[in-house]
Structures are given as C-alpha cells and as structure tokens.
C-alpha cells in the first residue's frame, strides 16, 4: 500500500531545465569552463553528472560551490512553471489521501514560493538536502520518522542519482522522462518504473494500491 510519495523538484515537478542551463552558461563564462552548443548539451544529458563535469572541464571538487552559486542565480530569474499535467496529478493524489513530500537539493525558500505561485498546497513537507548526493540518507530518515516500511513509499525523480539514492534507501523509484536526464541514461539505470506522462504516476499508484 502506497501511503507516501516523495517527489524530486527540479525536472520532476518544476520545469527548471532551461533556467539551469542559462545559469550554467553564466557560470561557465564567469569561471572559464568550456561552453557547449545546444547539440553538445543534448548529448551531455546522456552522461552521469561526473562525466558531464569532465566534458565541461569542471573540476569535481568545485561541484558543490558551483551548485550553490547556481541556486543563488535561480532566485534572480523568472519563476519556473510546473510541467503540464503536474497540478492535476497532485490534486488526484491528494484525493486518494496519499501524503506528498518534496525532497530536493534546491532551496526550500524557492520551492515554497513556487508552490504558492502555482497553487500547489498539497505537500505535507519540503526536505531540502545539503548536497547533490545525499538523498538516500533523507529517505531513510523519512521512513523512520513516518514509521513506514519501504513498501509504503515511492520516490519520483528524473535523474540517475535519484535511482542510486532510492536503491540505497531500499525504496522503489519512479523515473520521469520529461526531466534533466535522457531516456537513454534512465533506462541504463533500470528504475523500478518509468513514466512518460504525469498522469501515469496516478495510474501506477492506483495499480499498486489495488494489488495491496
């Protein structure tokens, strides 16, 4: 029985890809990293994050600094929009009395503003992680705090690192194909479920809870 769904934010709920790519271009110019053409960017999305840094000639030790700098830039740009269909999915899951949580490396301040602007007030809580690769720890803490077994929770994300985090937390992962990582990369990660449209998330929950 699925009682709680944890959503990633960027690339899953919010269409922030173009905003982040603009921020990436700004940071590349500022710090002298390699700038990529639109075609090169599409090819880069087929690679894990560490290999992307290699392509752009970004030292790995600078990732945390650049990530937090990109979040600061994000706050100065136009507010992102939800992916088409996300608002309907959130309402449908609320009607099914499933608890909804956001787990993101983006700032809780930005996420709260996004939810307010787009009338998405159905989320029980926002968990803001301290880095790019620690979500498995937050998932484990959430399970313990909620007194749920891993079978009662699913995680919805759009990146290979979301798959890795879910594996380490022993929870099922639903990967969406409209986010940052390419379908090719997601399929290589072998997620438990792969969805191509937001409504498929609701259909999946209905199937899983019917079986239970």
Foldseek 3Di string as FASTA:
>chain_A
DAQAEEEEPAFTFWPCPVLLLVLVVVVCVVVVWADDDPVVLVVLLQDAPVVSCVVRVHDPVCVLVSVVVSLVSSVVDDQTATDPPSQVLLVLVVVVNHAYEYEYCHDPVSVVVRCVVHVNPRHPYYHHDPDDQDVLVVLLVVCVVVVHDLLRYEYEEAHLSQLVSCVSNVHAYEHECRGRHHPNNVVVSPGPHYDDDSVVVVVVVVVSVVVD
